[in-house]
Every structure is written in structure tokens, then in C-alpha cells.
Amino acid sequence: MTQNENNGVLFKNDKKTQDKHPDYRGEANVGGTEYWLAAWIKQGQKGKFMSIAFSLKDEPAKTVNPVDDELDEGIPF
């Protein structure tokens, strides 16, 4: 599915079999460049949040590390 520019979509990852696998997967188009999205539900000091990783669709698949829980402090929501 090709996204409109500066838009994206995430879907629940029904194929998740390990904790390191993303909870949600999807794709986005940012400035005309296509990206794969991966998102993890995390628990921080201020409650739940989503950690999101982007990878270019044109690059070979690689392991993506979720953002560390400590970054929750800088998220305003």
C-alpha cells in the first residue's frame, strides 16, 4: 500500500512471537520517501507510550532496536 505524502499507518502485529518483535507494524511516506514503521508499547515513569522506529523500504531488512524507556522523560504526551 502506497501512502499519501507525509502520512502513514500502523497495524497490530499479529505475527509477534517474541518480546523484541514490534507490537505494531506499518509504513509511511515522508517527503516522498517510503519507510517501514515498527512500534513497541512501553511502560515509562509517566505511563504507557509508543516507541517507533523507521527504516527505509529501499534498504535490506535489518534488526531495529526500540527506543530506550529513559527517553520517556522527553516526550511531552
PDB file of N, CA and C in Angstrom:
ATOM      1  N   MET A   1       0.854  -1.172   0.000  1.00  0.00           N
ATOM      2  CA  MET A   1       0.000   0.000   0.000  1.00  0.00           C
ATOM      3  C   MET A   1       0.898   1.232   0.000  1.00  0.00           C
ATOM      4  N   THR A   2       0.733   2.086  -0.961  1.00  0.00           N
ATOM      5  CA  THR A   2       1.488   3.333  -1.017  1.00  0.00           C
ATOM      6  C   THR A   2       0.704   4.411  -0.281  1.00  0.00           C
ATOM      7  N   GLN A   3       1.392   5.107   0.603  1.00  0.00           N
ATOM      8  CA  GLN A   3       0.771   6.152   1.401  1.00  0.00           C
ATOM      9  C   GLN A   3       0.845   7.496   0.682  1.00  0.00           C
ATOM     10  N   ASN A   4      -0.123   8.369   0.979  1.00  0.00           N
ATOM     11  CA  ASN A   4      -0.030   9.748   0.533  1.00  0.00           C
ATOM     12  C   ASN A   4       1.167  10.381   1.231  1.00  0.00           C
ATOM     13  N   GLU A   5       1.751  11.394   0.610  1.00  0.00           N
ATOM     14  CA  GLU A   5       2.932  12.036   1.176  1.00  0.00           C
ATOM     15  C   GLU A   5       2.650  12.579   2.576  1.00  0.00           C
ATOM     16  N   ASN A   6       3.607  12.369   3.472  1.00  0.00           N
ATOM     17  CA  ASN A   6       3.551  12.813   4.865  1.00  0.00           C
ATOM     18  C   ASN A   6       2.416  12.162   5.651  1.00  0.00           C
ATOM     19  N   ASN A   7       2.137  10.902   5.335  1.00  0.00           N
ATOM     20  CA  ASN A   7       1.132  10.110   6.033  1.00  0.00           C
ATOM     21  C   ASN A   7       1.684   8.708   6.273  1.00  0.00           C
ATOM     22  N   GLY A   8       1.089   8.016   7.215  1.00  0.00           N
ATOM     23  CA  GLY A   8       1.493   6.646   7.484  1.00  0.00           C
ATOM     24  C   GLY A   8       0.376   5.890   8.165  1.00  0.00           C
ATOM     25  N   VAL A   9       0.629   4.595   8.393  1.00  0.00           N
ATOM     26  CA  VAL A   9      -0.371   3.734   9.011  1.00  0.00           C
ATOM     27  C   VAL A   9       0.338   2.660   9.831  1.00  0.00           C
ATOM     28  N   LEU A  10      -0.246   2.298  10.968  1.00  0.00           N
ATOM     29  CA  LEU A  10       0.262   1.216  11.814  1.00  0.00           C
ATOM     30  C   LEU A  10      -0.856   0.215  12.044  1.00  0.00           C
ATOM     31  N   PHE A  11      -0.505  -1.076  12.045  1.00  0.00           N
ATOM     32  CA  PHE A  11      -1.450  -2.154  12.308  1.00  0.00           C
ATOM     33  C   PHE A  11      -0.883  -3.042  13.406  1.00  0.00           C
ATOM     34  N   LYS A  12      -1.746  -3.631  14.222  1.00  0.00           N
ATOM     35  CA  LYS A  12      -1.311  -4.564  15.255  1.00  0.00           C
ATOM     36  C   LYS A  12      -0.550  -5.708  14.596  1.00  0.00           C
ATOM     37  N   ASN A  13       0.592  -6.084  15.172  1.00  0.00           N
ATOM     38  CA  ASN A  13       1.437  -7.142  14.632  1.00  0.00           C
ATOM     39  C   ASN A  13       0.916  -8.498  15.118  1.00  0.00           C
ATOM     40  N   ASP A  14       0.103  -9.163  14.298  1.00  0.00           N
ATOM     41  CA  ASP A  14      -0.471 -10.463  14.643  1.00  0.00           C
ATOM     42  C   ASP A  14       0.560 -11.589  14.569  1.00  0.00           C
ATOM     43  N   LYS A  15       1.750 -11.307  14.018  1.00  0.00           N
ATOM     44  CA  LYS A  15       2.788 -12.327  13.866  1.00  0.00           C
ATOM     45  C   LYS A  15       3.865 -12.224  14.944  1.00  0.00           C
ATOM     46  N   LYS A  16       3.628 -11.434  15.981  1.00  0.00           N
ATOM     47  CA  LYS A  16       4.609 -11.252  17.054  1.00  0.00           C
ATOM     48  C   LYS A  16       4.741 -12.548  17.848  1.00  0.00           C
ATOM     49  N   THR A  17       5.983 -13.067  17.943  1.00  0.00           N
ATOM     50  CA  THR A  17       6.228 -14.295  18.694  1.00  0.00           C
ATOM     51  C   THR A  17       7.272 -14.103  19.792  1.00  0.00           C
ATOM     52  N   GLN A  18       7.977 -12.968  19.789  1.00  0.00           N
ATOM     53  CA  GLN A  18       8.983 -12.667  20.804  1.00  0.00           C
ATOM     54  C   GLN A  18       8.786 -11.244  21.310  1.00  0.00           C
ATOM     55  N   ASP A  19       9.245 -10.985  22.546  1.00  0.00           N
ATOM     56  CA  ASP A  19       9.101  -9.650  23.130  1.00  0.00           C
ATOM     57  C   ASP A  19       9.792  -8.573  22.304  1.00  0.00           C
ATOM     58  N   LYS A  20      10.903  -8.921  21.638  1.00  0.00           N
ATOM     59  CA  LYS A  20      11.634  -7.911  20.867  1.00  0.00           C
ATOM     60  C   LYS A  20      10.932  -7.559  19.549  1.00  0.00           C
ATOM     61  N   HIS A  21       9.981  -8.358  19.120  1.00  0.00           N
ATOM     62  CA  HIS A  21       9.223  -8.036  17.902  1.00  0.00           C
ATOM     63  C   HIS A  21       8.303  -6.853  18.177  1.00  0.00           C
ATOM     64  N   PRO A  22       8.070  -5.994  17.174  1.00  0.00           N
ATOM     65  CA  PRO A  22       7.209  -4.828  17.402  1.00  0.00           C
ATOM     66  C   PRO A  22       5.762  -5.222  17.674  1.00  0.00           C
ATOM     67  N   ASP A  23       5.076  -4.398  18.479  1.00  0.00           N
ATOM     68  CA  ASP A  23       3.654  -4.606  18.751  1.00  0.00           C
ATOM     69  C   ASP A  23       2.805  -4.160  17.566  1.00  0.00           C
ATOM     70  N   TYR A  24       3.305  -3.178  16.814  1.00  0.00           N
ATOM     71  CA  TYR A  24       2.613  -2.653  15.630  1.00  0.00           C
ATOM     72  C   TYR A  24       3.610  -2.524  14.489  1.00  0.00           C
ATOM     73  N   ARG A  25       3.143  -2.710  13.272  1.00  0.00           N
ATOM     74  CA  ARG A  25       3.978  -2.554  12.074  1.00  0.00           C
ATOM     75  C   ARG A  25       3.184  -1.770  11.041  1.00  0.00           C
ATOM     76  N   GLY A  26       3.900  -1.087  10.146  1.00  0.00           N
ATOM     77  CA  GLY A  26       3.207  -0.341   9.113  1.00  0.00           C
ATOM     78  C   GLY A  26       4.179   0.321   8.170  1.00  0.00           C
ATOM     79  N   GLU A  27       3.707   1.375   7.539  1.00  0.00           N
ATOM     80  CA  GLU A  27       4.520   2.097   6.568  1.00  0.00           C
ATOM     81  C   GLU A  27       4.129   3.560   6.549  1.00  0.00           C
ATOM     82  N   ALA A  28       5.035   4.380   6.029  1.00  0.00           N
ATOM     83  CA  ALA A  28       4.797   5.819   5.950  1.00  0.00           C
ATOM     84  C   ALA A  28       5.530   6.387   4.750  1.00  0.00           C
ATOM     85  N   ASN A  29       5.048   7.526   4.289  1.00  0.00           N
ATOM     86  CA  ASN A  29       5.690   8.285   3.221  1.00  0.00           C
ATOM     87  C   ASN A  29       6.008   9.655   3.807  1.00  0.00           C
ATOM     88  N   VAL A  30       7.295   9.958   3.922  1.00  0.00           N
ATOM     89  CA  VAL A  30       7.727  11.243   4.486  1.00  0.00           C
ATOM     90  C   VAL A  30       8.545  11.965   3.431  1.00  0.00           C
ATOM     91  N   GLY A  31       8.033  13.085   2.956  1.00  0.00           N
ATOM     92  CA  GLY A  31       8.729  13.864   1.938  1.00  0.00           C
ATOM     93  C   GLY A  31       8.978  13.089   0.655  1.00  0.00           C
ATOM     94  N   GLY A  32       8.095  12.144   0.343  1.00  0.00           N
ATOM     95  CA  GLY A  32       8.224  11.349  -0.872  1.00  0.00           C
ATOM     96  C   GLY A  32       9.081  10.099  -0.711  1.00  0.00           C
ATOM     97  N   THR A  33       9.631   9.866   0.481  1.00  0.00           N
ATOM     98  CA  THR A  33      10.447   8.681   0.741  1.00  0.00           C
ATOM     99  C   THR A  33       9.616   7.673   1.521  1.00  0.00           C
ATOM    100  N   GLU A  34       9.631   6.410   1.080  1.00  0.00           N
ATOM    101  CA  GLU A  34       8.849   5.347   1.712  1.00  0.00           C
ATOM    102  C   GLU A  34       9.628   4.696   2.850  1.00  0.00           C
ATOM    103  N   TYR A  35       8.964   4.514   4.006  1.00  0.00           N
ATOM    104  CA  TYR A  35       9.570   3.902   5.194  1.00  0.00           C
ATOM    105  C   TYR A  35       8.690   2.769   5.717  1.00  0.00           C
ATOM    106  N   TRP A  36       9.338   1.749   6.318  1.00  0.00           N
ATOM    107  CA  TRP A  36       8.653   0.772   7.141  1.00  0.00           C
ATOM    108  C   TRP A  36       8.620   1.342   8.548  1.00  0.00           C
ATOM    109  N   LEU A  37       7.542   1.096   9.291  1.00  0.00           N
ATOM    110  CA  LEU A  37       7.417   1.535  10.673  1.00  0.00           C
ATOM    111  C   LEU A  37       7.326   0.314  11.587  1.00  0.00           C
ATOM    112  N   ALA A  38       7.896   0.416  12.751  1.00  0.00           N
ATOM    113  CA  ALA A  38       7.757  -0.593  13.792  1.00  0.00           C
ATOM    114  C   ALA A  38       7.515   0.159  15.094  1.00  0.00           C
ATOM    115  N   ALA A  39       6.564  -0.308  15.899  1.00  0.00           N
ATOM    116  CA  ALA A  39       6.235   0.392  17.142  1.00  0.00           C
ATOM    117  C   ALA A  39       6.080  -0.613  18.287  1.00  0.00           C
ATOM    118  N   TRP A  40       6.599  -0.220  19.445  1.00  0.00           N
ATOM    119  CA  TRP A  40       6.515  -1.035  20.650  1.00  0.00           C
ATOM    120  C   TRP A  40       5.760  -0.256  21.711  1.00  0.00           C
ATOM    121  N   ILE A  41       4.861  -0.921  22.438  1.00  0.00           N
ATOM    122  CA  ILE A  41       4.198  -0.320  23.587  1.00  0.00           C
ATOM    123  C   ILE A  41       5.154  -0.473  24.765  1.00  0.00           C
ATOM    124  N   LYS A  42       5.495   0.636  25.408  1.00  0.00           N
ATOM    125  CA  LYS A  42       6.446   0.649  26.524  1.00  0.00           C
ATOM    126  C   LYS A  42       5.767   1.221  27.763  1.00  0.00           C
ATOM    127  N   GLN A  43       6.327   0.895  28.922  1.00  0.00           N
ATOM    128  CA  GLN A  43       5.858   1.449  30.181  1.00  0.00           C
ATOM    129  C   GLN A  43       6.958   2.334  30.737  1.00  0.00           C
ATOM    130  N   GLY A  44       6.674   3.621  30.904  1.00  0.00           N
ATOM    131  CA  GLY A  44       7.638   4.569  31.450  1.00  0.00           C
ATOM    132  C   GLY A  44       7.180   5.078  32.799  1.00  0.00           C
ATOM    133  N   GLN A  45       7.938   5.972  33.360  1.00  0.00           N
ATOM    134  CA  GLN A  45       7.606   6.535  34.675  1.00  0.00           C
ATOM    135  C   GLN A  45       6.287   7.305  34.648  1.00  0.00           C
ATOM    136  N   LYS A  46       5.939   7.844  33.493  1.00  0.00           N
ATOM    137  CA  LYS A  46       4.704   8.637  33.377  1.00  0.00           C
ATOM    138  C   LYS A  46       3.573   7.863  32.712  1.00  0.00           C
ATOM    139  N   GLY A  47       3.733   6.564  32.543  1.00  0.00           N
ATOM    140  CA  GLY A  47       2.684   5.747  31.944  1.00  0.00           C
ATOM    141  C   GLY A  47       3.121   5.120  30.633  1.00  0.00           C
ATOM    142  N   LYS A  48       2.168   4.591  29.902  1.00  0.00           N
ATOM    143  CA  LYS A  48       2.456   3.913  28.644  1.00  0.00           C
ATOM    144  C   LYS A  48       2.747   4.911  27.528  1.00  0.00           C
ATOM    145  N   PHE A  49       3.624   4.471  26.597  1.00  0.00           N
ATOM    146  CA  PHE A  49       3.921   5.271  25.415  1.00  0.00           C
ATOM    147  C   PHE A  49       4.340   4.335  24.302  1.00  0.00           C
ATOM    148  N   MET A  50       4.429   4.851  23.077  1.00  0.00           N
ATOM    149  CA  MET A  50       4.883   4.072  21.929  1.00  0.00           C
ATOM    150  C   MET A  50       6.276   4.514  21.536  1.00  0.00           C
ATOM    151  N   SER A  51       7.143   3.545  21.329  1.00  0.00           N
ATOM    152  CA  SER A  51       8.480   3.761  20.798  1.00  0.00           C
ATOM    153  C   SER A  51       8.418   3.358  19.326  1.00  0.00           C
ATOM    154  N   ILE A  52       8.825   4.243  18.420  1.00  0.00           N
ATOM    155  CA  ILE A  52       8.667   3.997  16.984  1.00  0.00           C
ATOM    156  C   ILE A  52      10.015   4.036  16.289  1.00  0.00           C
ATOM    157  N   ALA A  53      10.233   3.074  15.382  1.00  0.00           N
ATOM    158  CA  ALA A  53      11.453   3.017  14.578  1.00  0.00           C
ATOM    159  C   ALA A  53      11.074   3.076  13.103  1.00  0.00           C
ATOM    160  N   PHE A  54      11.882   3.785  12.319  1.00  0.00           N
ATOM    161  CA  PHE A  54      11.695   3.910  10.879  1.00  0.00           C
ATOM    162  C   PHE A  54      12.847   3.212  10.168  1.00  0.00           C
ATOM    163  N   SER A  55      12.578   2.544   9.059  1.00  0.00           N
ATOM    164  CA  SER A  55      13.640   2.019   8.198  1.00  0.00           C
ATOM    165  C   SER A  55      13.212   2.220   6.745  1.00  0.00           C
ATOM    166  N   LEU A  56      14.161   2.603   5.915  1.00  0.00           N
ATOM    167  CA  LEU A  56      13.855   2.842   4.504  1.00  0.00           C
ATOM    168  C   LEU A  56      13.384   1.567   3.830  1.00  0.00           C
ATOM    169  N   LYS A  57      12.356   1.658   3.002  1.00  0.00           N
ATOM    170  CA  LYS A  57      11.866   0.493   2.273  1.00  0.00           C
ATOM    171  C   LYS A  57      12.897   0.000   1.269  1.00  0.00           C
ATOM    172  N   ASP A  58      13.747   0.887   0.757  1.00  0.00           N
ATOM    173  CA  ASP A  58      14.736   0.519  -0.252  1.00  0.00           C
ATOM    174  C   ASP A  58      15.920  -0.243   0.318  1.00  0.00           C
ATOM    175  N   GLU A  59      16.136  -0.177   1.651  1.00  0.00           N
ATOM    176  CA  GLU A  59      17.270  -0.855   2.271  1.00  0.00           C
ATOM    177  C   GLU A  59      16.881  -2.283   2.650  1.00  0.00           C
ATOM    178  N   PRO A  60      17.857  -3.194   2.685  1.00  0.00           N
ATOM    179  CA  PRO A  60      17.569  -4.555   3.137  1.00  0.00           C
ATOM    180  C   PRO A  60      17.082  -4.543   4.583  1.00  0.00           C
ATOM    181  N   ALA A  61      16.277  -5.532   4.939  1.00  0.00           N
ATOM    182  CA  ALA A  61      15.758  -5.617   6.305  1.00  0.00           C
ATOM    183  C   ALA A  61      16.903  -5.760   7.291  1.00  0.00           C
ATOM    184  N   LYS A  62      16.764  -5.095   8.448  1.00  0.00           N
ATOM    185  CA  LYS A  62      17.778  -5.187   9.494  1.00  0.00           C
ATOM    186  C   LYS A  62      17.090  -5.143  10.838  1.00  0.00           C
ATOM    187  N   THR A  63      17.792  -5.533  11.863  1.00  0.00           N
ATOM    188  CA  THR A  63      17.240  -5.514  13.209  1.00  0.00           C
ATOM    189  C   THR A  63      17.112  -4.072  13.673  1.00  0.00           C
ATOM    190  N   VAL A  64      15.964  -3.738  14.222  1.00  0.00           N
ATOM    191  CA  VAL A  64      15.713  -2.388  14.712  1.00  0.00           C
ATOM    192  C   VAL A  64      15.608  -2.446  16.220  1.00  0.00           C
ATOM    193  N   ASN A  65      16.348  -1.599  16.915  1.00  0.00           N
ATOM    194  CA  ASN A  65      16.290  -1.546  18.373  1.00  0.00           C
ATOM    195  C   ASN A  65      15.273  -0.510  18.805  1.00  0.00           C
ATOM    196  N   PRO A  66      14.337  -0.896  19.692  1.00  0.00           N
ATOM    197  CA  PRO A  66      13.363   0.090  20.172  1.00  0.00           C
ATOM    198  C   PRO A  66      14.037   1.161  21.010  1.00  0.00           C
ATOM    199  N   VAL A  67      13.418   2.315  21.080  1.00  0.00           N
ATOM    200  CA  VAL A  67      13.945   3.424  21.869  1.00  0.00           C
ATOM    201  C   VAL A  67      13.943   3.042  23.342  1.00  0.00           C
ATOM    202  N   ASP A  68      14.968   3.435  24.054  1.00  0.00           N
ATOM    203  CA  ASP A  68      15.121   3.127  25.468  1.00  0.00           C
ATOM    204  C   ASP A  68      14.038   3.811  26.297  1.00  0.00           C
ATOM    205  N   ASP A  69      13.551   3.127  27.338  1.00  0.00           N
ATOM    206  CA  ASP A  69      12.494   3.664  28.201  1.00  0.00           C
ATOM    207  C   ASP A  69      12.855   5.013  28.807  1.00  0.00           C
ATOM    208  N   GLU A  70      14.125   5.286  29.016  1.00  0.00           N
ATOM    209  CA  GLU A  70      14.543   6.536  29.652  1.00  0.00           C
ATOM    210  C   GLU A  70      14.166   7.758  28.827  1.00  0.00           C
ATOM    211  N   LEU A  71      13.964   7.591  27.527  1.00  0.00           N
ATOM    212  CA  LEU A  71      13.604   8.725  26.684  1.00  0.00           C
ATOM    213  C   LEU A  71      12.187   9.208  26.961  1.00  0.00           C
ATOM    214  N   ASP A  72      11.438   8.452  27.723  1.00  0.00           N
ATOM    215  CA  ASP A  72      10.070   8.835  28.069  1.00  0.00           C
ATOM    216  C   ASP A  72      10.029  10.216  28.714  1.00  0.00           C
ATOM    217  N   GLU A  73      11.068  10.572  29.428  1.00  0.00           N
ATOM    218  CA  GLU A  73      11.100  11.866  30.104  1.00  0.00           C
ATOM    219  C   GLU A  73      10.982  13.042  29.129  1.00  0.00           C
ATOM    220  N   GLY A  74      11.477  12.896  27.900  1.00  0.00           N
ATOM    221  CA  GLY A  74      11.451  13.990  26.945  1.00  0.00           C
ATOM    222  C   GLY A  74      10.201  14.042  26.091  1.00  0.00           C
ATOM    223  N   ILE A  75       9.320  13.062  26.240  1.00  0.00           N
ATOM    224  CA  ILE A  75       8.098  13.015  25.433  1.00  0.00           C
ATOM    225  C   ILE A  75       7.015  13.824  26.140  1.00  0.00           C
ATOM    226  N   PRO A  76       6.463  14.835  25.471  1.00  0.00           N
ATOM    227  CA  PRO A  76       5.520  15.741  26.133  1.00  0.00           C
ATOM    228  C   PRO A  76       4.113  15.191  26.303  1.00  0.00           C
ATOM    229  N   PHE A  77       3.812  13.983  25.864  1.00  0.00           N
ATOM    230  CA  PHE A  77       2.460  13.446  25.999  1.00  0.00           C
ATOM    231  C   PHE A  77       2.443  12.133  26.722  1.00  0.00           C
TER     232      PHE A  77
END
